[in-house]
Protein backbone atom coordinates (compact mmCIF):
# COMPACT_ATOMS: atom_id res chain seq x y z
CA MET A 1 0.01 -0.07 -0.18
CA SER A 2 1.18 3.18 -1.03
CA SER A 3 1.37 5.84 2.44
CA PRO A 4 -0.43 8.83 2.22
CA ASP A 5 2.74 10.86 2.73
CA SER A 6 4.75 9.04 -0.10
CA SER A 7 3.80 11.98 -2.73
CA GLU A 8 4.60 15.73 -1.78
CA SER A 9 1.99 16.86 -3.73
CA PHE A 10 -0.36 14.94 -1.01
CA ASP A 11 1.23 15.56 2.08
CA LEU A 12 -0.88 15.94 4.87
CA ILE A 13 -2.92 18.53 2.33
CA GLY A 14 -6.61 19.38 3.57
CA GLU A 15 -8.62 15.77 5.09
CA ARG A 16 -5.45 14.17 5.60
CA ARG A 17 -4.90 16.23 8.63
CA ALA A 18 -7.55 14.10 10.19
CA VAL A 19 -7.78 10.77 11.35
CA ILE A 20 -10.60 8.77 12.93
CA SER A 21 -9.68 7.71 16.64
CA GLY A 22 -12.42 5.68 17.84
CA ALA A 23 -16.03 4.34 17.14
CA GLY A 24 -18.96 2.91 19.08
CA GLN A 25 -22.10 2.02 18.77
CA SER A 26 -25.34 1.59 20.89
CA ASP A 27 -27.78 -1.78 20.80
CA ILE A 28 -29.11 -2.15 17.63
CA GLY A 29 -32.46 -3.32 17.23
CA ARG A 30 -35.49 -3.95 15.09
CA ARG A 31 -37.76 -2.40 18.00
CA LEU A 32 -36.04 -1.70 21.02
CA TYR A 33 -38.33 1.10 22.62
CA ARG A 34 -35.56 2.36 24.45
CA ASP A 35 -35.41 6.41 24.87
CA PRO A 36 -33.77 7.75 21.63
CA LEU A 37 -31.18 9.97 23.60
CA GLU A 38 -30.29 7.30 25.68
CA LEU A 39 -29.11 5.51 23.10
CA THR A 40 -27.59 8.47 20.96
CA LEU A 41 -25.40 9.04 24.43
CA ASP A 42 -24.68 4.65 24.37
CA ALA A 43 -23.11 4.96 21.38
CA CYS A 44 -21.28 8.43 21.87
CA LEU A 45 -19.64 6.97 25.14
CA ALA A 46 -18.38 4.05 23.29
CA ALA A 47 -16.64 5.83 20.61
CA VAL A 48 -15.39 8.63 23.34
CA SER A 49 -13.93 5.27 25.33
CA ASP A 50 -12.82 3.49 22.21
CA ALA A 51 -10.56 6.38 21.49
CA GLY A 52 -9.17 6.74 25.10
CA LEU A 53 -10.39 9.90 25.48
CA THR A 54 -12.67 11.40 28.65
CA THR A 55 -15.54 14.03 27.67
CA SER A 56 -13.02 16.83 29.17
CA ASP A 57 -11.12 16.19 25.69
CA ILE A 58 -14.05 16.68 23.20
CA ASP A 59 -13.92 19.86 21.84
CA GLY A 60 -15.98 18.98 19.04
CA LEU A 61 -19.44 18.04 17.86
CA SER A 62 -20.78 17.63 14.73
CA THR A 63 -23.89 15.25 13.68
CA TYR A 64 -27.02 14.93 10.60
CA PRO A 65 -29.68 15.76 10.22
CA GLY A 66 -29.71 17.54 13.47
CA GLY A 67 -32.84 17.21 15.88
CA MET A 68 -35.99 16.50 13.47
CA GLU A 69 -39.54 15.95 15.24
CA ALA A 70 -40.81 14.69 11.62
CA PRO A 71 -40.38 12.09 9.87
CA LEU A 72 -41.02 10.54 13.43
CA GLY A 73 -37.79 8.11 14.14
CA PHE A 74 -35.40 9.64 11.40
CA SER A 75 -33.70 11.92 14.35
CA GLY A 76 -32.80 9.79 17.88
CA ALA A 77 -31.12 13.31 19.24
CA GLY A 78 -29.74 16.55 17.87
CA ILE A 79 -26.69 18.72 18.57
CA THR A 80 -27.98 20.49 21.49
CA GLU A 81 -29.90 18.12 23.41
CA VAL A 82 -25.95 15.83 23.06
CA HIS A 83 -23.94 19.01 24.45
CA ASP A 84 -26.12 19.51 26.97
CA ALA A 85 -26.07 16.03 28.39
CA LEU A 86 -22.30 15.35 28.27
CA ARG A 87 -21.46 18.63 29.19
CA LEU A 88 -18.82 19.44 26.41
CA ASN A 89 -16.81 22.47 26.22
CA LEU A 90 -16.90 23.19 22.73
CA ASN A 91 -14.93 24.70 19.86
CA TRP A 92 -16.48 23.72 16.79
CA TRP A 93 -20.26 22.59 16.36
CA THR A 94 -22.31 21.79 13.91
CA GLY A 95 -25.91 20.08 12.79
CA SER A 96 -27.62 20.20 9.49
CA MET A 97 -29.89 18.01 7.36
CA GLU A 98 -28.38 20.07 3.82
CA LEU A 99 -24.99 17.94 3.86
CA PRO A 100 -23.11 16.04 1.25
CA SER A 101 -24.68 12.76 2.09
CA GLN A 102 -25.45 11.39 5.93
CA LEU A 103 -21.42 11.28 6.20
CA GLY A 104 -21.33 14.72 5.08
CA ALA A 105 -21.02 15.40 9.28
CA VAL A 106 -17.99 13.45 9.70
CA ILE A 107 -16.60 15.06 6.34
CA ASN A 108 -17.44 18.89 8.46
CA ALA A 109 -15.50 17.01 10.93
CA CYS A 110 -12.43 16.33 9.33
CA LEU A 111 -12.22 20.18 7.69
CA ALA A 112 -13.10 21.42 11.18
CA VAL A 113 -10.00 19.51 12.62
CA SER A 114 -7.65 20.10 9.45
CA ALA A 115 -8.45 23.94 10.29
CA GLY A 116 -7.42 23.52 13.61
CA LEU A 117 -10.56 24.52 14.71
CA ALA A 118 -10.77 21.44 17.11
CA LYS A 119 -8.91 18.73 18.51
CA HIS A 120 -11.03 15.79 18.89
CA VAL A 121 -15.16 16.27 17.30
CA LEU A 122 -17.55 13.64 18.14
CA CYS A 123 -19.72 12.88 14.87
CA PHE A 124 -23.00 10.95 15.79
CA ARG A 125 -26.21 9.81 14.14
CA SER A 126 -29.02 7.95 15.99
CA VAL A 127 -32.46 6.90 14.79
CA TRP A 128 -35.87 5.01 15.86
CA GLU A 129 -37.67 4.53 13.35
CA GLY A 130 -38.64 0.86 13.92
CA SER A 131 -39.88 1.61 17.45
CA ALA A 132 -41.84 4.65 15.27
CA GLN A 133 -42.90 2.42 12.99
CA GLY A 134 -45.09 0.28 15.93
CA ASN A 135 -45.57 -3.58 15.95
CA GLU A 136 -47.68 -4.30 12.73
CA GLY A 137 -44.78 -4.43 10.72
CA ARG A 138 -43.09 -1.98 8.02
CA SER A 139 -45.12 0.96 7.40
CA ALA A 140 -44.45 4.20 5.87
CA VAL A 141 -43.31 7.00 8.60
CA MET A 142 -42.39 10.14 5.92
CA PRO A 143 -44.47 12.84 5.74
CA GLY A 144 -47.69 12.40 3.61
CA GLY A 145 -47.07 8.55 3.79
CA SER A 146 -49.47 7.19 5.45
CA PRO A 147 -53.01 7.13 4.78
CA GLY A 148 -55.16 9.88 6.55
CA SER A 149 -52.11 12.27 6.76
CA SER A 150 -52.75 15.85 7.29
CA TYR A 151 -49.56 16.78 5.69
CA ARG A 152 -49.23 19.68 3.04
CA ALA A 153 -47.12 19.68 0.56
CA SER A 154 -44.60 21.94 -0.57
CA GLY A 155 -41.40 21.88 -2.95
CA PHE A 156 -40.74 18.71 -5.17
CA MET A 157 -42.94 16.52 -2.86
CA GLU A 158 -45.72 18.58 -4.57
CA TRP A 159 -45.33 16.90 -7.99
CA LEU A 160 -44.72 12.93 -6.34
CA LEU A 161 -47.86 12.78 -3.96
CA PRO A 162 -50.20 13.34 -6.35
CA TYR A 163 -49.21 10.01 -7.76
CA SER A 164 -48.65 8.57 -4.50
CA ALA A 165 -45.27 8.33 -5.03
CA PRO A 166 -43.77 9.73 -1.49
CA SER A 167 -41.18 7.28 -1.21
CA ALA A 168 -37.34 7.10 -2.31
CA ALA A 169 -38.52 3.59 -3.15
CA MET A 170 -39.97 4.70 -6.35
CA TRP A 171 -37.58 7.49 -7.40
CA ILE A 172 -34.42 5.18 -7.21
CA ALA A 173 -36.97 2.21 -8.99
CA MET A 174 -37.35 4.68 -11.60
CA MET A 175 -33.37 5.00 -11.74
CA ALA A 176 -32.80 0.98 -11.57
CA ASN A 177 -35.34 0.73 -14.66
CA ARG A 178 -32.89 3.12 -16.61
CA HIS A 179 -29.96 1.09 -15.31
CA PHE A 180 -31.60 -1.78 -16.76
CA HIS A 181 -32.46 -0.66 -19.96
CA GLU A 182 -29.70 1.16 -21.00
CA TYR A 183 -27.24 -1.74 -20.11
CA GLY A 184 -29.37 -5.33 -19.49
CA THR A 185 -28.86 -5.34 -15.78
CA THR A 186 -30.85 -8.21 -14.71
CA ARG A 187 -32.85 -8.47 -10.90
CA GLU A 188 -30.54 -11.94 -10.60
CA GLN A 189 -27.65 -9.38 -10.48
CA LEU A 190 -29.11 -6.74 -8.26
CA GLY A 191 -29.90 -9.56 -6.39
CA GLN A 192 -26.65 -10.38 -5.33
CA ILE A 193 -25.90 -7.39 -3.35
CA ALA A 194 -28.91 -8.31 -0.71
CA ILE A 195 -27.91 -12.09 -1.13
CA ASN A 196 -23.99 -10.93 -0.21
CA ALA A 197 -25.16 -8.52 2.53
CA ARG A 198 -27.61 -11.63 4.11
CA LYS A 199 -24.39 -13.70 4.26
CA ASN A 200 -22.24 -11.28 6.01
CA ALA A 201 -25.03 -10.05 8.80
CA ALA A 202 -25.26 -14.06 9.19
CA LEU A 203 -21.88 -13.30 10.80
CA ASN A 204 -22.56 -10.12 13.04
CA PRO A 205 -24.23 -10.66 16.03
CA ASN A 206 -25.97 -7.23 15.98
CA ALA A 207 -27.50 -7.96 12.78
CA ILE A 208 -31.70 -7.35 12.46
CA TYR A 209 -32.01 -10.16 9.76
CA ARG A 210 -29.46 -13.05 9.74
CA ASP A 211 -31.52 -16.01 8.65
CA PRO A 212 -29.79 -17.18 4.83
CA MET A 213 -31.85 -15.74 1.72
CA THR A 214 -31.44 -18.25 -1.23
CA MET A 215 -31.71 -16.28 -4.77
CA ASP A 216 -35.13 -18.03 -5.21
CA ASP A 217 -36.19 -16.31 -1.70
CA TYR A 218 -34.76 -13.15 -3.24
CA LEU A 219 -36.76 -13.32 -6.43
CA ASN A 220 -40.04 -14.60 -5.39
CA VAL A 221 -40.63 -12.01 -2.40
CA ARG A 222 -43.44 -9.29 -2.97
CA MET A 223 -42.12 -6.13 -5.20
CA ILE A 224 -42.40 -2.85 -3.77
CA SER A 225 -41.34 -0.71 -6.83
CA THR A 226 -40.44 -2.83 -10.04
CA PRO A 227 -37.28 -3.84 -10.18
CA LEU A 228 -37.14 -3.25 -6.01
CA SER A 229 -38.51 -5.99 -3.95
CA LEU A 230 -38.63 -6.08 -0.27
CA TYR A 231 -35.72 -7.31 -0.26
CA ASP A 232 -34.06 -4.30 -2.05
CA CYS A 233 -34.96 -2.07 0.56
CA ASP A 234 -33.10 -1.50 3.54
CA VAL A 235 -34.46 -2.35 7.16
CA PRO A 236 -35.99 0.27 9.99
CA CYS A 237 -33.96 -0.33 12.75
CA ASP A 238 -33.22 1.54 16.25
CA GLY A 239 -29.81 2.30 17.37
CA GLY A 240 -26.88 4.79 17.49
CA THR A 241 -23.30 4.96 15.86
CA ALA A 242 -20.46 7.96 16.65
CA VAL A 243 -16.91 8.01 15.64
CA ILE A 244 -14.39 10.86 16.86
CA VAL A 245 -12.59 12.73 14.08
CA SER A 246 -9.10 13.76 15.57
CA ARG A 247 -6.43 15.78 14.58
CA ILE A 248 -3.06 14.13 13.52
CA ASP A 249 -0.91 16.04 15.74
CA THR A 250 -3.01 14.49 18.64
CA VAL A 251 -1.99 10.52 18.11
CA ASP A 252 0.04 10.11 20.89
CA ASP A 253 -3.08 10.61 23.08
CA LEU A 254 -4.76 8.00 21.15
CA ARG A 255 -5.86 4.53 22.67
CA LYS A 256 -4.82 2.66 19.73
CA PRO A 257 -3.62 3.77 16.07
CA PRO A 258 -5.71 6.09 14.02
CA ILE A 259 -7.26 5.56 11.10
CA GLN A 260 -6.28 8.12 8.50
CA VAL A 261 -8.27 10.38 6.27
CA GLU A 262 -6.91 9.81 3.00
CA ALA A 263 -9.11 11.55 1.16
CA LEU A 264 -12.83 13.04 0.85
CA GLY A 265 -15.27 12.78 -2.38
CA THR A 266 -18.17 15.57 -1.87
CA ALA A 267 -18.86 16.67 -5.36
CA LEU A 268 -22.03 17.51 -7.11
CA HIS A 269 -21.87 18.35 -10.60
CA GLY A 270 -25.50 17.56 -11.89
CA ARG A 271 -28.58 19.07 -10.67
CA PRO A 272 -29.31 18.66 -6.89
CA SER A 273 -33.02 16.87 -7.88
CA TRP A 274 -33.90 13.02 -7.33
CA ASP A 275 -35.86 13.47 -10.48
CA GLN A 276 -34.14 16.09 -13.19
CA PHE A 277 -30.18 14.55 -13.05
CA ASP A 278 -28.71 14.98 -16.05
CA ASP A 279 -28.45 11.04 -16.05
CA LEU A 280 -30.74 8.95 -14.48
CA SER A 281 -28.77 5.71 -14.36
CA THR A 282 -26.52 7.21 -12.10
CA MET A 283 -26.64 9.97 -9.41
CA ALA A 284 -24.29 12.22 -6.90
CA VAL A 285 -22.43 9.63 -6.11
CA ARG A 286 -20.82 9.45 -9.95
CA ASP A 287 -19.13 13.24 -8.86
CA ALA A 288 -18.44 11.76 -5.39
CA GLY A 289 -16.76 9.06 -6.45
CA SER A 290 -14.59 10.72 -9.05
CA GLN A 291 -13.58 13.32 -6.83
CA VAL A 292 -11.69 10.71 -4.55
CA TRP A 293 -9.21 9.29 -6.72
CA GLY A 294 -7.97 13.21 -7.78
CA ARG A 295 -6.94 13.37 -4.20
CA THR A 296 -4.98 10.68 -3.80
CA ASP A 297 -1.66 8.54 -5.20
CA LEU A 298 -4.34 5.09 -4.51
CA LYS A 299 -5.87 3.64 -6.87
CA PRO A 300 -9.42 1.89 -6.71
CA GLN A 301 -7.50 -2.00 -6.95
CA ASP A 302 -5.51 -0.56 -3.59
CA VAL A 303 -9.08 -0.92 -1.66
CA GLN A 304 -9.43 -3.52 0.38
CA VAL A 305 -13.07 -3.44 1.64
CA ALA A 306 -15.41 -1.56 0.80
CA GLU A 307 -18.86 -0.55 3.13
CA MET A 308 -20.83 1.11 0.34
CA TYR A 309 -24.41 2.55 1.33
CA ASP A 310 -27.43 0.02 0.24
CA GLY A 311 -30.34 1.94 1.17
CA PHE A 312 -31.83 -0.14 -1.99
CA SER A 313 -29.56 -2.03 -3.40
CA PHE A 314 -29.29 -0.12 -6.93
CA ILE A 315 -27.67 2.45 -5.21
CA THR A 316 -24.69 -0.10 -4.10
CA MET A 317 -24.60 -0.68 -7.81
CA THR A 318 -24.27 3.05 -8.62
CA TRP A 319 -21.49 3.10 -5.91
CA LEU A 320 -19.78 0.48 -7.67
CA GLU A 321 -19.12 2.08 -10.87
CA ALA A 322 -18.43 5.34 -9.15
CA MET A 323 -15.91 4.47 -7.43
CA GLY A 324 -14.21 3.27 -10.49
CA PHE A 325 -14.46 -0.51 -9.41
CA CYS A 326 -15.71 -1.57 -12.81
CA GLY A 327 -17.03 1.10 -15.87
CA LYS A 328 -20.11 2.78 -15.90
CA GLY A 329 -23.11 0.29 -16.70
CA GLU A 330 -21.02 -2.76 -15.65
CA SER A 331 -22.02 -2.89 -12.29
CA GLY A 332 -24.48 -5.83 -13.37
CA PRO A 333 -21.58 -8.25 -14.92
CA PHE A 334 -19.39 -7.25 -12.00
CA VAL A 335 -21.48 -8.43 -9.20
CA GLU A 336 -23.14 -11.43 -10.96
CA GLY A 337 -22.07 -14.83 -9.03
CA GLY A 338 -21.09 -12.95 -6.08
CA SER A 339 -17.70 -14.26 -5.88
CA ARG A 340 -16.32 -10.84 -6.49
CA ILE A 341 -17.90 -8.82 -3.49
CA ALA A 342 -18.05 -11.70 -1.15
CA ARG A 343 -16.34 -11.29 2.28
CA ASP A 344 -13.29 -13.29 0.46
CA GLY A 345 -14.10 -12.14 -3.29
CA GLU A 346 -11.24 -9.19 -4.73
CA LEU A 347 -13.43 -6.08 -2.90
CA PRO A 348 -15.21 -7.56 0.13
CA LEU A 349 -18.49 -5.49 0.25
CA ASN A 350 -20.71 -4.78 3.42
CA THR A 351 -19.01 -7.19 5.60
CA HIS A 352 -21.42 -6.07 8.31
CA GLY A 353 -24.55 -6.89 6.58
CA GLY A 354 -25.07 -3.60 4.63
CA GLN A 355 -28.28 -1.74 5.72
CA LEU A 356 -30.24 -4.25 3.94
CA SER A 357 -29.69 -6.90 6.54
CA ALA A 358 -27.98 -5.27 9.28
CA GLY A 359 -30.19 -1.99 10.02
CA ARG A 360 -30.75 1.16 8.16
CA LEU A 361 -28.30 3.37 10.39
CA HIS A 362 -28.32 5.73 7.98
CA GLY A 363 -24.80 5.78 6.22
CA PHE A 364 -22.87 5.58 9.96
CA GLY A 365 -23.23 1.66 10.02
CA PHE A 366 -20.74 1.87 6.69
CA LEU A 367 -17.96 3.48 8.49
CA HIS A 368 -18.45 2.35 11.42
CA GLU A 369 -17.87 -1.16 9.74
CA ALA A 370 -14.68 0.36 7.57
CA CYS A 371 -13.33 1.05 10.67
CA VAL A 372 -13.60 -2.29 12.74
CA GLN A 373 -12.25 -3.79 9.84
CA LEU A 374 -9.53 -1.84 9.76
CA TRP A 375 -8.72 -2.62 13.04
CA ASN A 376 -9.26 -5.82 12.50
CA GLU A 377 -11.69 -6.34 14.90
CA GLY A 378 -14.33 -7.56 12.71
CA GLY A 379 -14.66 -11.53 14.66
CA GLU A 380 -16.43 -13.82 12.47
CA ARG A 381 -16.78 -11.53 9.88
CA GLN A 382 -12.89 -10.10 9.33
CA VAL A 383 -11.95 -9.65 5.99
CA SER A 384 -8.26 -11.97 6.18
CA GLY A 385 -4.94 -10.35 5.49
CA ASN A 386 -5.05 -7.34 8.18
CA PRO A 387 -6.46 -4.72 5.26
CA GLU A 388 -5.09 -1.48 5.36
CA VAL A 389 -7.29 0.59 2.71
CA ALA A 390 -11.15 0.84 2.65
CA VAL A 391 -13.80 2.90 1.65
CA ALA A 392 -16.72 4.07 3.32
CA CYS A 393 -19.80 5.90 1.23
CA ALA A 394 -23.35 6.51 1.84
CA GLY A 395 -25.82 8.76 0.01
CA GLY A 396 -28.30 8.66 -2.85
CA GLY A 397 -29.79 10.67 -5.30
CA PRO A 398 -29.11 14.16 -5.17
CA MET A 399 -26.38 13.51 -2.40
CA ALA A 400 -23.45 11.66 -2.11
CA GLY A 401 -19.89 11.57 0.06
CA ALA A 402 -17.22 9.14 0.12
CA MET A 403 -14.24 8.53 2.51
CA LEU A 404 -10.63 6.84 1.37
CA LEU A 405 -9.57 5.51 5.04
CA THR A 406 -5.96 3.96 5.37
CA GLN A 407 -4.60 1.99 8.18
CA ARG A 408 -0.57 2.17 8.32
CA ARG A 409 1.19 -0.49 10.19
């Protein structure tokens, strides 16, 4: 593996002044019926401890999307609640919905420590969508998405709700259909994303769904929005995830060797729209993924672990293309048969089970798993060979963020 300081042109510029020093999660469950702030704080304190720090060391705080009352369960806690509960003394903080993907909160933290605004930033994301949906199986929690809702549409929802299309499942299905039409992608190929996730989740004791899944299971489950079936959609759950982003000159104060932030991708060159993007066979991931490789000497073939957003299975396919692991339109043949993306394949993918089987933690779960793998803490699901390069990618539609991470030994 090339080290981040192997080229003078990239020596400790920008994001390279940031490292991830700790990561933690709360209990994860389908419906825990626990106070969402409690879950958030469990994850935050676990991350602080993992880094070998105390709350008095934390001088930055960052989250996505911030405190929100609607849609129900989408936000477990906001900045103010965590700031006060942990009695933090902050030099920098932010919490916003309008970011380049869920990982935008972590990317912001990397930029803050790189600029010297903070030394140790606690980044968190928590959800309680499983409990918010109640006991009757999956149901809509988005505004306007349930019968009898009094929600008044505004913005782009004005054009969607009259056609009963309030869910991203319908918008992503449109993009998947375009990809199928242009490149001959098949449901059997798409199904490898879900089947691979389930195989990996079987080795993750915190995953929501761990029972085996066959291709017949996948093809015969009920459809949601063609070509997406139930198993192409991630599973709502409750839980919190947190990471600590630290300034590189604090390494000597940390409990274990930190993970280097090698390169970031946040670009969006198309329209910021779900349905008016210039190429509906892809998304904003196209631009964020491409940007990463202009900020590092590493190449796609150097990546040993890929944790890539699967809010819907097709999003993972677009990330595979965007990050250069295969050519444009070639993600179907790339995943066909499942061997390339298996834990022992050339590109181990979503080693914890992704959001399709491990639970929808809104992007932060992928970064957490990338750190687990680079620290060699994956237990039964650990990728062999002491991986040193990983990517964590989150987002779909008009939002996308990518992080290239390295663990130098």
